[in-house]
Amino acid sequence: MQAGAGVYDKGTMSLLDVIRNAKESPSFRKAGAIAVFVGVVRGENLKGEKVRKLELEAYEEKANETLGSICEDLKKKSGVTDVQIHHLLGDFNVGEDLVYVLVAGSHRRQVFSVLEEAVERYKKEAPIFKKEYVTTRKGKDKTYWVTEQGSASEV
């Protein structure tokens, strides 16, 4: 089983793997709650264009370091027993899973707030890059590299 954070090729990690990994951790005996975020490919972007597929790449060494650092930092919060961020790379169709974020902790109130923080931080801090293949409202096919701020540069 992979460690608690990192980027992985599509098909090498599932949500069940992530949950199993959390439950097998020695610290899980202190947990009373697990919260999970699953990011999936949306079929329409913010401009109303139809998304045909996404391609995700990463500066893998730095992404692994960043995701691991976020997890270690958040594990220090009171009542939190585990934080995992697993981001998948490759080509993805609409509806496919892209990322799994898991937080385990002693109580639900702790896991929800830390889950949200983990998601916001990985989106801002990790060098993971998304290329969007879309069909515009006028029927033209385009490809963009997308930033989390919503801007895009056409390829």
C-alpha atoms as a PDB file:
ATOM      1  CA  MET A   1       0.000   0.000   0.000  1.00  0.00           C
ATOM      2  CA  GLN A   2       1.219   3.499  -0.840  1.00  0.00           C
ATOM      3  CA  ALA A   3       2.079   6.052   1.840  1.00  0.00           C
ATOM      4  CA  GLY A   4      -0.364   8.675   3.073  1.00  0.00           C
ATOM      5  CA  ALA A   5       0.220  11.218   0.325  1.00  0.00           C
ATOM      6  CA  GLY A   6       1.422  11.530  -3.235  1.00  0.00           C
ATOM      7  CA  VAL A   7       0.691  11.489  -6.922  1.00  0.00           C
ATOM      8  CA  TYR A   8       0.013   8.193  -8.668  1.00  0.00           C
ATOM      9  CA  ASP A   9      -0.756   6.974 -12.159  1.00  0.00           C
ATOM     10  CA  LYS A  10      -4.449   6.530 -12.847  1.00  0.00           C
ATOM     11  CA  GLY A  11      -5.587   3.021 -11.945  1.00  0.00           C
ATOM     12  CA  THR A  12      -3.000   2.413  -9.214  1.00  0.00           C
ATOM     13  CA  MET A  13      -5.083   3.770  -6.303  1.00  0.00           C
ATOM     14  CA  SER A  14      -8.770   3.524  -5.405  1.00  0.00           C
ATOM     15  CA  LEU A  15     -10.970   4.998  -2.711  1.00  0.00           C
ATOM     16  CA  LEU A  16     -11.136   1.588  -1.048  1.00  0.00           C
ATOM     17  CA  ASP A  17      -7.309   1.490  -0.942  1.00  0.00           C
ATOM     18  CA  VAL A  18      -7.262   4.862   0.811  1.00  0.00           C
ATOM     19  CA  ILE A  19      -9.843   3.825   3.418  1.00  0.00           C
ATOM     20  CA  ARG A  20      -8.093   0.487   3.984  1.00  0.00           C
ATOM     21  CA  ASN A  21      -4.791   2.317   4.458  1.00  0.00           C
ATOM     22  CA  ALA A  22      -6.371   4.547   7.130  1.00  0.00           C
ATOM     23  CA  LYS A  23      -7.963   1.649   8.977  1.00  0.00           C
ATOM     24  CA  GLU A  24      -4.690  -0.315   9.015  1.00  0.00           C
ATOM     25  CA  SER A  25      -2.788   2.560  10.630  1.00  0.00           C
ATOM     26  CA  PRO A  26      -1.885   2.021  14.309  1.00  0.00           C
ATOM     27  CA  SER A  27      -3.380   5.447  15.140  1.00  0.00           C
ATOM     28  CA  PHE A  28      -6.803   4.447  13.779  1.00  0.00           C
ATOM     29  CA  ARG A  29      -7.842   2.977  17.131  1.00  0.00           C
ATOM     30  CA  LYS A  30      -8.256   6.586  18.343  1.00  0.00           C
ATOM     31  CA  ALA A  31     -10.533   7.515  15.431  1.00  0.00           C
ATOM     32  CA  GLY A  32     -14.273   7.878  15.672  1.00  0.00           C
ATOM     33  CA  ALA A  33     -14.827   9.449  12.259  1.00  0.00           C
ATOM     34  CA  ILE A  34     -13.521   9.400   8.710  1.00  0.00           C
ATOM     35  CA  ALA A  35     -14.320  12.145   6.216  1.00  0.00           C
ATOM     36  CA  VAL A  36     -13.468  11.754   2.539  1.00  0.00           C
ATOM     37  CA  PHE A  37     -13.386  14.135  -0.419  1.00  0.00           C
ATOM     38  CA  VAL A  38     -13.394  12.620  -3.910  1.00  0.00           C
ATOM     39  CA  GLY A  39     -12.637  15.056  -6.722  1.00  0.00           C
ATOM     40  CA  VAL A  40     -14.077  13.986 -10.077  1.00  0.00           C
ATOM     41  CA  VAL A  41     -13.988  15.305 -13.645  1.00  0.00           C
ATOM     42  CA  ARG A  42     -16.797  17.800 -14.144  1.00  0.00           C
ATOM     43  CA  GLY A  43     -18.569  17.642 -17.527  1.00  0.00           C
ATOM     44  CA  GLU A  44     -18.811  21.416 -17.930  1.00  0.00           C
ATOM     45  CA  ASN A  45     -16.281  24.103 -17.077  1.00  0.00           C
ATOM     46  CA  LEU A  46     -16.895  27.555 -15.581  1.00  0.00           C
ATOM     47  CA  LYS A  47     -17.308  29.045 -19.090  1.00  0.00           C
ATOM     48  CA  GLY A  48     -20.137  26.617 -19.874  1.00  0.00           C
ATOM     49  CA  GLU A  49     -17.984  24.626 -22.291  1.00  0.00           C
ATOM     50  CA  LYS A  50     -18.437  20.864 -22.574  1.00  0.00           C
ATOM     51  CA  VAL A  51     -15.437  19.049 -21.107  1.00  0.00           C
ATOM     52  CA  ARG A  52     -14.431  16.051 -23.224  1.00  0.00           C
ATOM     53  CA  LYS A  53     -11.523  14.926 -21.037  1.00  0.00           C
ATOM     54  CA  LEU A  54      -8.760  16.099 -18.696  1.00  0.00           C
ATOM     55  CA  GLU A  55      -5.070  15.338 -18.713  1.00  0.00           C
ATOM     56  CA  LEU A  56      -3.237  15.705 -15.395  1.00  0.00           C
ATOM     57  CA  GLU A  57       0.508  16.003 -14.971  1.00  0.00           C
ATOM     58  CA  ALA A  58       2.693  16.962 -12.032  1.00  0.00           C
ATOM     59  CA  TYR A  59       6.176  17.937 -11.039  1.00  0.00           C
ATOM     60  CA  GLU A  60       6.082  14.614  -9.201  1.00  0.00           C
ATOM     61  CA  GLU A  61       8.967  14.978  -6.751  1.00  0.00           C
ATOM     62  CA  LYS A  62       7.779  18.403  -5.575  1.00  0.00           C
ATOM     63  CA  ALA A  63       4.096  17.356  -5.594  1.00  0.00           C
ATOM     64  CA  ASN A  64       4.870  14.338  -3.394  1.00  0.00           C
ATOM     65  CA  GLU A  65       6.888  16.520  -1.031  1.00  0.00           C
ATOM     66  CA  THR A  66       4.140  19.172  -0.872  1.00  0.00           C
ATOM     67  CA  LEU A  67       1.274  16.709  -0.336  1.00  0.00           C
ATOM     68  CA  GLY A  68       3.267  14.911   2.351  1.00  0.00           C
ATOM     69  CA  SER A  69       4.049  18.186   4.091  1.00  0.00           C
ATOM     70  CA  ILE A  70       0.384  19.259   4.074  1.00  0.00           C
ATOM     71  CA  CYS A  71      -0.639  15.912   5.586  1.00  0.00           C
ATOM     72  CA  GLU A  72       2.030  16.016   8.285  1.00  0.00           C
ATOM     73  CA  ASP A  73       1.103  19.589   9.173  1.00  0.00           C
ATOM     74  CA  LEU A  74      -2.619  18.820   9.450  1.00  0.00           C
ATOM     75  CA  LYS A  75      -2.023  15.640  11.482  1.00  0.00           C
ATOM     76  CA  LYS A  76      -0.764  17.913  14.268  1.00  0.00           C
ATOM     77  CA  LYS A  77      -4.254  19.353  14.793  1.00  0.00           C
ATOM     78  CA  SER A  78      -6.096  18.302  17.924  1.00  0.00           C
ATOM     79  CA  GLY A  79      -7.984  15.017  17.575  1.00  0.00           C
ATOM     80  CA  VAL A  80      -6.724  14.266  14.051  1.00  0.00           C
ATOM     81  CA  THR A  81      -5.264  10.780  13.647  1.00  0.00           C
ATOM     82  CA  ASP A  82      -4.657  10.589   9.885  1.00  0.00           C
ATOM     83  CA  VAL A  83      -4.595  12.836   6.809  1.00  0.00           C
ATOM     84  CA  GLN A  84      -4.082  11.446   3.310  1.00  0.00           C
ATOM     85  CA  ILE A  85      -4.013  13.162  -0.093  1.00  0.00           C
ATOM     86  CA  HIS A  86      -3.704  10.940  -3.159  1.00  0.00           C
ATOM     87  CA  HIS A  87      -3.844  12.694  -6.543  1.00  0.00           C
ATOM     88  CA  LEU A  88      -4.078  10.675  -9.731  1.00  0.00           C
ATOM     89  CA  LEU A  89      -2.289  11.522 -12.986  1.00  0.00           C
ATOM     90  CA  GLY A  90      -3.065  10.629 -16.596  1.00  0.00           C
ATOM     91  CA  ASP A  91      -6.038  11.006 -18.944  1.00  0.00           C
ATOM     92  CA  PHE A  92      -9.512  11.161 -17.409  1.00  0.00           C
ATOM     93  CA  ASN A  93     -13.042  11.107 -18.769  1.00  0.00           C
ATOM     94  CA  VAL A  94     -15.997  12.960 -17.283  1.00  0.00           C
ATOM     95  CA  GLY A  95     -17.042  11.438 -13.962  1.00  0.00           C
ATOM     96  CA  GLU A  96     -13.740   9.688 -13.245  1.00  0.00           C
ATOM     97  CA  ASP A  97     -11.987  10.125  -9.886  1.00  0.00           C
ATOM     98  CA  LEU A  98      -9.019  12.525  -9.796  1.00  0.00           C
ATOM     99  CA  VAL A  99      -8.146  12.877  -6.135  1.00  0.00           C
ATOM    100  CA  TYR A 100      -8.864  11.291  -2.756  1.00  0.00           C
ATOM    101  CA  VAL A 101      -8.487  13.269   0.450  1.00  0.00           C
ATOM    102  CA  LEU A 102      -9.132  11.477   3.738  1.00  0.00           C
ATOM    103  CA  VAL A 103      -9.108  12.752   7.295  1.00  0.00           C
ATOM    104  CA  ALA A 104      -9.604  10.484  10.298  1.00  0.00           C
ATOM    105  CA  GLY A 105     -10.067  11.832  13.782  1.00  0.00           C
ATOM    106  CA  SER A 106     -11.612  11.322  17.143  1.00  0.00           C
ATOM    107  CA  HIS A 107     -14.772  13.379  16.372  1.00  0.00           C
ATOM    108  CA  ARG A 108     -16.679  14.518  13.282  1.00  0.00           C
ATOM    109  CA  ARG A 109     -16.238  18.233  13.984  1.00  0.00           C
ATOM    110  CA  GLN A 110     -12.468  17.873  13.751  1.00  0.00           C
ATOM    111  CA  VAL A 111     -12.435  15.880  10.532  1.00  0.00           C
ATOM    112  CA  PHE A 112     -14.759  18.153   8.524  1.00  0.00           C
ATOM    113  CA  SER A 113     -12.760  21.348   9.070  1.00  0.00           C
ATOM    114  CA  VAL A 114      -9.424  19.634   8.455  1.00  0.00           C
ATOM    115  CA  LEU A 115     -10.780  17.958   5.301  1.00  0.00           C
ATOM    116  CA  GLU A 116     -11.743  21.329   3.860  1.00  0.00           C
ATOM    117  CA  GLU A 117      -8.344  22.800   4.751  1.00  0.00           C
ATOM    118  CA  ALA A 118      -6.544  19.833   3.162  1.00  0.00           C
ATOM    119  CA  VAL A 119      -8.477  20.257  -0.103  1.00  0.00           C
ATOM    120  CA  GLU A 120      -7.909  24.012  -0.268  1.00  0.00           C
ATOM    121  CA  ARG A 121      -4.208  23.654   0.491  1.00  0.00           C
ATOM    122  CA  TYR A 122      -3.419  20.912  -2.044  1.00  0.00           C
ATOM    123  CA  LYS A 123      -5.219  22.888  -4.766  1.00  0.00           C
ATOM    124  CA  LYS A 124      -3.119  25.991  -4.029  1.00  0.00           C
ATOM    125  CA  GLU A 125       0.230  24.445  -3.086  1.00  0.00           C
ATOM    126  CA  ALA A 126       0.834  21.253  -5.078  1.00  0.00           C
ATOM    127  CA  PRO A 127       2.421  21.543  -8.567  1.00  0.00           C
ATOM    128  CA  ILE A 128      -0.258  19.517 -10.357  1.00  0.00           C
ATOM    129  CA  PHE A 129      -1.264  20.696 -13.821  1.00  0.00           C
ATOM    130  CA  LYS A 130      -4.562  20.196 -15.629  1.00  0.00           C
ATOM    131  CA  LYS A 131      -5.125  20.295 -19.382  1.00  0.00           C
ATOM    132  CA  GLU A 132      -8.786  20.589 -20.311  1.00  0.00           C
ATOM    133  CA  TYR A 133     -10.109  19.301 -23.642  1.00  0.00           C
ATOM    134  CA  VAL A 134     -13.370  21.132 -24.351  1.00  0.00           C
ATOM    135  CA  THR A 135     -15.989  21.833 -26.969  1.00  0.00           C
ATOM    136  CA  THR A 136     -17.009  25.490 -26.906  1.00  0.00           C
ATOM    137  CA  ARG A 137     -20.617  26.666 -26.991  1.00  0.00           C
ATOM    138  CA  LYS A 138     -20.068  27.300 -30.723  1.00  0.00           C
ATOM    139  CA  GLY A 139     -18.966  23.692 -31.271  1.00  0.00           C
ATOM    140  CA  LYS A 140     -15.231  24.339 -31.645  1.00  0.00           C
ATOM    141  CA  ASP A 141     -12.794  21.907 -29.996  1.00  0.00           C
ATOM    142  CA  LYS A 142     -10.119  23.581 -27.856  1.00  0.00           C
ATOM    143  CA  THR A 143      -7.456  22.542 -25.373  1.00  0.00           C
ATOM    144  CA  TYR A 144      -6.334  24.616 -22.369  1.00  0.00           C
ATOM    145  CA  TRP A 145      -3.912  24.404 -19.472  1.00  0.00           C
ATOM    146  CA  VAL A 146      -6.032  25.468 -16.498  1.00  0.00           C
ATOM    147  CA  THR A 147      -4.971  27.115 -13.252  1.00  0.00           C
ATOM    148  CA  GLU A 148      -7.014  26.905 -10.060  1.00  0.00           C
ATOM    149  CA  GLN A 149      -7.768  30.603 -10.368  1.00  0.00           C
ATOM    150  CA  GLY A 150      -9.865  29.758 -13.429  1.00  0.00           C
ATOM    151  CA  SER A 151      -7.653  31.305 -16.090  1.00  0.00           C
ATOM    152  CA  ALA A 152      -6.622  29.197 -19.037  1.00  0.00           C
ATOM    153  CA  SER A 153      -3.973  29.332 -21.714  1.00  0.00           C
ATOM    154  CA  GLU A 154      -4.852  27.811 -25.039  1.00  0.00           C
ATOM    155  CA  VAL A 155      -2.608  25.074 -26.405  1.00  0.00           C
END
